[in-house]
């Protein structure tokens, strides 16, 4: 949420790529497996730079929620806010207990 907020509030390109700059070793072209079994949700957007089908994402970790959207892309919270919010509510409402 911090990264999305910085981008939304400043509307600058620099804040949109800050995550990549801060984590150069975290963005790998190879699929890695999660190191725990924490429930994971994933939303796929049609205009994202890379499409990940459900069967592929399920190989990475404990996938319990997956959604596929026709509208939206890399900045899904800005491109398609209703779908993004619905995904957060569905995933967190089902798997999060305070």
N, C-alpha and C. Protein backbone atom coordinates (compact mmCIF):
# COMPACT_ATOMS: atom_id res chain seq x y z
N UNK A 1 0.82 -1.19 0.00
CA UNK A 1 0.00 0.00 0.00
C UNK A 1 0.87 1.26 0.00
N UNK A 2 2.04 1.18 0.63
CA UNK A 2 2.92 2.34 0.65
C UNK A 2 3.32 2.74 -0.76
N UNK A 3 3.74 1.76 -1.55
CA UNK A 3 4.17 2.05 -2.92
C UNK A 3 3.04 2.62 -3.76
N UNK A 4 1.86 2.03 -3.63
CA UNK A 4 0.70 2.52 -4.39
C UNK A 4 0.35 3.94 -3.95
N UNK A 5 0.39 4.19 -2.65
CA UNK A 5 0.07 5.52 -2.14
C UNK A 5 1.06 6.57 -2.63
N UNK A 6 2.35 6.23 -2.59
CA UNK A 6 3.36 7.18 -3.07
C UNK A 6 3.14 7.53 -4.53
N UNK A 7 2.85 6.52 -5.33
CA UNK A 7 2.62 6.77 -6.75
C UNK A 7 1.35 7.61 -6.94
N UNK A 8 0.29 7.23 -6.25
CA UNK A 8 -0.99 7.91 -6.41
C UNK A 8 -0.90 9.38 -5.97
N UNK A 9 -0.25 9.62 -4.85
CA UNK A 9 -0.20 10.98 -4.31
C UNK A 9 0.76 11.89 -5.07
N UNK A 10 1.85 11.33 -5.59
CA UNK A 10 2.84 12.17 -6.28
C UNK A 10 2.67 12.17 -7.79
N UNK A 11 2.06 11.10 -8.33
CA UNK A 11 1.86 10.98 -9.77
C UNK A 11 3.18 11.12 -10.54
N UNK A 12 4.25 10.55 -9.97
CA UNK A 12 5.56 10.63 -10.63
C UNK A 12 6.05 9.24 -11.00
N UNK A 13 6.79 9.18 -12.08
CA UNK A 13 7.34 7.91 -12.56
C UNK A 13 8.33 7.33 -11.55
N UNK A 14 9.13 8.18 -10.94
CA UNK A 14 10.16 7.71 -10.01
C UNK A 14 9.57 6.87 -8.88
N UNK A 15 8.45 7.29 -8.35
CA UNK A 15 7.85 6.52 -7.25
C UNK A 15 7.27 5.21 -7.74
N UNK A 16 6.96 5.12 -9.02
CA UNK A 16 6.40 3.87 -9.55
C UNK A 16 7.45 2.78 -9.70
N UNK A 17 8.71 3.15 -9.81
CA UNK A 17 9.78 2.16 -9.98
C UNK A 17 10.64 2.01 -8.73
N UNK A 18 10.29 2.69 -7.68
CA UNK A 18 11.06 2.65 -6.44
C UNK A 18 11.18 1.24 -5.88
N UNK A 19 10.14 0.45 -5.96
CA UNK A 19 10.17 -0.92 -5.44
C UNK A 19 11.24 -1.75 -6.14
N UNK A 20 11.38 -1.59 -7.43
CA UNK A 20 12.40 -2.34 -8.18
C UNK A 20 13.81 -1.91 -7.77
N UNK A 21 13.99 -0.62 -7.54
CA UNK A 21 15.28 -0.09 -7.13
C UNK A 21 15.66 -0.61 -5.75
N UNK A 22 14.71 -0.66 -4.83
CA UNK A 22 14.99 -1.08 -3.46
C UNK A 22 15.18 -2.58 -3.33
N UNK A 23 14.69 -3.36 -4.26
CA UNK A 23 14.76 -4.83 -4.17
C UNK A 23 15.30 -5.46 -5.45
N UNK A 24 16.53 -5.14 -5.85
CA UNK A 24 17.02 -5.63 -7.14
C UNK A 24 17.13 -7.15 -7.23
N UNK A 25 17.33 -7.82 -6.12
CA UNK A 25 17.49 -9.28 -6.15
C UNK A 25 16.18 -10.04 -5.99
N UNK A 26 15.10 -9.33 -5.75
CA UNK A 26 13.82 -9.98 -5.51
C UNK A 26 13.03 -10.25 -6.78
N UNK A 27 13.41 -9.63 -7.87
CA UNK A 27 12.66 -9.79 -9.11
C UNK A 27 13.43 -10.72 -10.04
N UNK A 28 13.07 -11.97 -9.97
CA UNK A 28 13.77 -13.01 -10.71
C UNK A 28 12.92 -13.51 -11.87
N UNK A 29 13.56 -13.82 -13.00
CA UNK A 29 12.79 -14.38 -14.12
C UNK A 29 12.40 -15.84 -13.89
N UNK A 30 12.91 -16.44 -12.83
CA UNK A 30 12.64 -17.84 -12.55
C UNK A 30 11.61 -17.99 -11.44
N UNK A 31 10.77 -18.99 -11.56
CA UNK A 31 9.75 -19.24 -10.56
C UNK A 31 10.42 -19.78 -9.29
N UNK A 32 10.06 -19.22 -8.16
CA UNK A 32 10.56 -19.70 -6.88
C UNK A 32 9.39 -20.15 -6.03
N UNK A 33 9.65 -21.08 -5.14
CA UNK A 33 8.60 -21.57 -4.26
C UNK A 33 8.61 -20.79 -2.95
N UNK A 34 7.45 -20.61 -2.39
CA UNK A 34 7.34 -19.92 -1.11
C UNK A 34 8.06 -20.74 -0.04
N UNK A 35 8.56 -20.05 0.96
CA UNK A 35 9.28 -20.73 2.04
C UNK A 35 8.36 -21.04 3.20
N UNK A 36 7.06 -20.83 3.03
CA UNK A 36 6.09 -21.14 4.07
C UNK A 36 4.78 -21.53 3.40
N UNK A 37 3.79 -21.89 4.21
CA UNK A 37 2.51 -22.31 3.64
C UNK A 37 1.39 -21.29 3.91
N UNK A 38 1.76 -20.05 4.08
CA UNK A 38 0.79 -18.98 4.33
C UNK A 38 -0.13 -18.87 3.11
N UNK A 39 -1.45 -18.76 3.32
CA UNK A 39 -2.38 -18.62 2.20
C UNK A 39 -2.01 -17.41 1.32
N UNK A 40 -2.10 -17.61 0.02
CA UNK A 40 -1.69 -16.59 -0.93
C UNK A 40 -2.83 -16.31 -1.90
N UNK A 41 -3.05 -15.04 -2.21
CA UNK A 41 -4.03 -14.65 -3.22
C UNK A 41 -3.32 -13.99 -4.39
N UNK A 42 -3.90 -14.11 -5.57
CA UNK A 42 -3.28 -13.54 -6.77
C UNK A 42 -4.37 -13.06 -7.71
N UNK A 43 -4.19 -11.86 -8.22
CA UNK A 43 -5.12 -11.31 -9.20
C UNK A 43 -4.37 -11.10 -10.51
N UNK A 44 -4.91 -11.60 -11.57
CA UNK A 44 -4.30 -11.48 -12.89
C UNK A 44 -5.08 -10.46 -13.71
N UNK A 45 -4.35 -9.51 -14.29
CA UNK A 45 -4.98 -8.46 -15.09
C UNK A 45 -4.51 -8.58 -16.54
N UNK A 46 -5.44 -8.43 -17.45
CA UNK A 46 -5.20 -8.66 -18.87
C UNK A 46 -4.01 -7.86 -19.42
N UNK A 47 -3.85 -6.64 -18.99
CA UNK A 47 -2.80 -5.78 -19.56
C UNK A 47 -1.56 -5.69 -18.67
N UNK A 48 -1.37 -6.65 -17.82
CA UNK A 48 -0.14 -6.74 -17.04
C UNK A 48 1.00 -7.10 -17.99
N UNK A 49 2.21 -6.75 -17.63
CA UNK A 49 3.36 -7.02 -18.49
C UNK A 49 3.54 -8.52 -18.73
N UNK A 50 3.23 -9.32 -17.72
CA UNK A 50 3.37 -10.78 -17.84
C UNK A 50 2.11 -11.44 -17.30
N UNK A 51 1.55 -12.37 -18.04
CA UNK A 51 0.35 -13.08 -17.60
C UNK A 51 0.76 -14.37 -16.88
N UNK A 52 0.18 -14.61 -15.72
CA UNK A 52 0.43 -15.83 -14.97
C UNK A 52 -0.89 -16.57 -14.77
N UNK A 53 -1.09 -17.69 -15.45
CA UNK A 53 -2.32 -18.46 -15.28
C UNK A 53 -2.37 -19.12 -13.90
N UNK A 54 -3.55 -19.49 -13.50
CA UNK A 54 -3.75 -20.04 -12.16
C UNK A 54 -2.88 -21.26 -11.89
N UNK A 55 -2.77 -22.17 -12.85
CA UNK A 55 -1.99 -23.39 -12.60
C UNK A 55 -0.52 -23.06 -12.35
N UNK A 56 -0.02 -21.99 -12.95
CA UNK A 56 1.37 -21.59 -12.77
C UNK A 56 1.57 -20.97 -11.39
N UNK A 57 0.68 -20.09 -11.00
CA UNK A 57 0.77 -19.42 -9.70
C UNK A 57 0.63 -20.44 -8.58
N UNK A 58 -0.22 -21.44 -8.77
CA UNK A 58 -0.44 -22.46 -7.75
C UNK A 58 0.82 -23.25 -7.45
N UNK A 59 1.75 -23.31 -8.37
CA UNK A 59 3.00 -24.03 -8.15
C UNK A 59 3.96 -23.28 -7.23
N UNK A 60 3.73 -22.00 -7.06
CA UNK A 60 4.64 -21.16 -6.28
C UNK A 60 4.40 -21.28 -4.78
N UNK A 61 3.15 -21.35 -4.36
CA UNK A 61 2.85 -21.39 -2.94
C UNK A 61 1.45 -21.89 -2.68
N UNK A 62 0.95 -21.60 -1.50
CA UNK A 62 -0.36 -22.06 -1.06
C UNK A 62 -1.45 -21.12 -1.62
N UNK A 63 -1.76 -21.27 -2.88
CA UNK A 63 -2.73 -20.41 -3.55
C UNK A 63 -4.15 -20.79 -3.12
N UNK A 64 -4.82 -19.84 -2.47
CA UNK A 64 -6.19 -20.09 -2.01
C UNK A 64 -7.19 -19.17 -2.70
N UNK A 65 -6.70 -18.16 -3.40
CA UNK A 65 -7.58 -17.22 -4.08
C UNK A 65 -6.92 -16.77 -5.37
N UNK A 66 -7.68 -16.84 -6.47
CA UNK A 66 -7.17 -16.39 -7.77
C UNK A 66 -8.32 -15.73 -8.52
N UNK A 67 -8.02 -14.62 -9.15
CA UNK A 67 -9.04 -13.97 -9.98
C UNK A 67 -8.39 -13.49 -11.27
N UNK A 68 -9.19 -13.43 -12.30
CA UNK A 68 -8.73 -13.04 -13.63
C UNK A 68 -9.59 -11.87 -14.10
N UNK A 69 -8.96 -10.77 -14.49
CA UNK A 69 -9.69 -9.57 -14.88
C UNK A 69 -9.39 -9.17 -16.32
N UNK A 70 -10.40 -8.76 -17.03
CA UNK A 70 -10.25 -8.31 -18.41
C UNK A 70 -9.70 -6.89 -18.50
N UNK A 71 -9.88 -6.11 -17.48
CA UNK A 71 -9.46 -4.71 -17.50
C UNK A 71 -8.43 -4.46 -16.41
N UNK A 72 -7.40 -3.72 -16.74
CA UNK A 72 -6.37 -3.40 -15.76
C UNK A 72 -5.01 -3.88 -16.21
N UNK A 73 -4.00 -3.41 -15.50
CA UNK A 73 -2.64 -3.77 -15.85
C UNK A 73 -1.73 -3.70 -14.65
N UNK A 74 -0.51 -3.24 -14.88
CA UNK A 74 0.52 -3.25 -13.85
C UNK A 74 0.11 -2.44 -12.62
N UNK A 75 -0.60 -1.35 -12.82
CA UNK A 75 -1.08 -0.55 -11.69
C UNK A 75 -2.57 -0.80 -11.53
N UNK A 76 -2.90 -2.00 -11.15
CA UNK A 76 -4.29 -2.45 -11.11
C UNK A 76 -5.17 -1.61 -10.19
N UNK A 77 -4.62 -1.16 -9.08
CA UNK A 77 -5.42 -0.36 -8.15
C UNK A 77 -5.82 0.98 -8.76
N UNK A 78 -5.06 1.45 -9.73
CA UNK A 78 -5.40 2.70 -10.43
C UNK A 78 -6.19 2.43 -11.70
N UNK A 79 -5.87 1.33 -12.38
CA UNK A 79 -6.53 0.98 -13.64
C UNK A 79 -7.95 0.46 -13.46
N UNK A 80 -8.15 -0.31 -12.41
CA UNK A 80 -9.45 -0.95 -12.19
C UNK A 80 -9.72 -1.04 -10.68
N UNK A 81 -9.94 0.11 -10.03
CA UNK A 81 -10.12 0.12 -8.58
C UNK A 81 -11.22 -0.80 -8.05
N UNK A 82 -12.39 -0.89 -8.70
CA UNK A 82 -13.43 -1.78 -8.16
C UNK A 82 -12.98 -3.25 -8.10
N UNK A 83 -12.31 -3.72 -9.14
CA UNK A 83 -11.86 -5.11 -9.16
C UNK A 83 -10.78 -5.34 -8.11
N UNK A 84 -9.87 -4.39 -7.98
CA UNK A 84 -8.80 -4.50 -6.99
C UNK A 84 -9.39 -4.58 -5.58
N UNK A 85 -10.30 -3.69 -5.28
CA UNK A 85 -10.93 -3.67 -3.96
C UNK A 85 -11.72 -4.95 -3.70
N UNK A 86 -12.42 -5.44 -4.71
CA UNK A 86 -13.16 -6.69 -4.57
C UNK A 86 -12.22 -7.85 -4.26
N UNK A 87 -11.07 -7.89 -4.93
CA UNK A 87 -10.09 -8.94 -4.66
C UNK A 87 -9.57 -8.87 -3.23
N UNK A 88 -9.23 -7.67 -2.79
CA UNK A 88 -8.73 -7.50 -1.42
C UNK A 88 -9.79 -7.95 -0.42
N UNK A 89 -11.01 -7.53 -0.62
CA UNK A 89 -12.09 -7.91 0.30
C UNK A 89 -12.34 -9.41 0.28
N UNK A 90 -12.37 -10.01 -0.90
CA UNK A 90 -12.61 -11.46 -0.99
C UNK A 90 -11.49 -12.26 -0.35
N UNK A 91 -10.27 -11.91 -0.63
CA UNK A 91 -9.13 -12.64 -0.08
C UNK A 91 -9.02 -12.43 1.42
N UNK A 92 -9.01 -11.18 1.84
CA UNK A 92 -8.83 -10.90 3.26
C UNK A 92 -10.05 -11.30 4.08
N UNK A 93 -11.23 -11.13 3.53
CA UNK A 93 -12.44 -11.51 4.25
C UNK A 93 -12.53 -13.00 4.50
N UNK A 94 -11.95 -13.76 3.61
CA UNK A 94 -12.00 -15.22 3.72
C UNK A 94 -10.86 -15.79 4.55
N UNK A 95 -9.68 -15.16 4.49
CA UNK A 95 -8.49 -15.78 5.08
C UNK A 95 -7.83 -15.00 6.20
N UNK A 96 -8.32 -13.83 6.53
CA UNK A 96 -7.69 -13.03 7.57
C UNK A 96 -8.56 -13.00 8.81
N UNK A 97 -7.95 -13.28 9.93
CA UNK A 97 -8.67 -13.21 11.21
C UNK A 97 -7.86 -12.33 12.15
N UNK A 98 -8.40 -11.19 12.57
CA UNK A 98 -7.64 -10.28 13.45
C UNK A 98 -7.38 -10.89 14.81
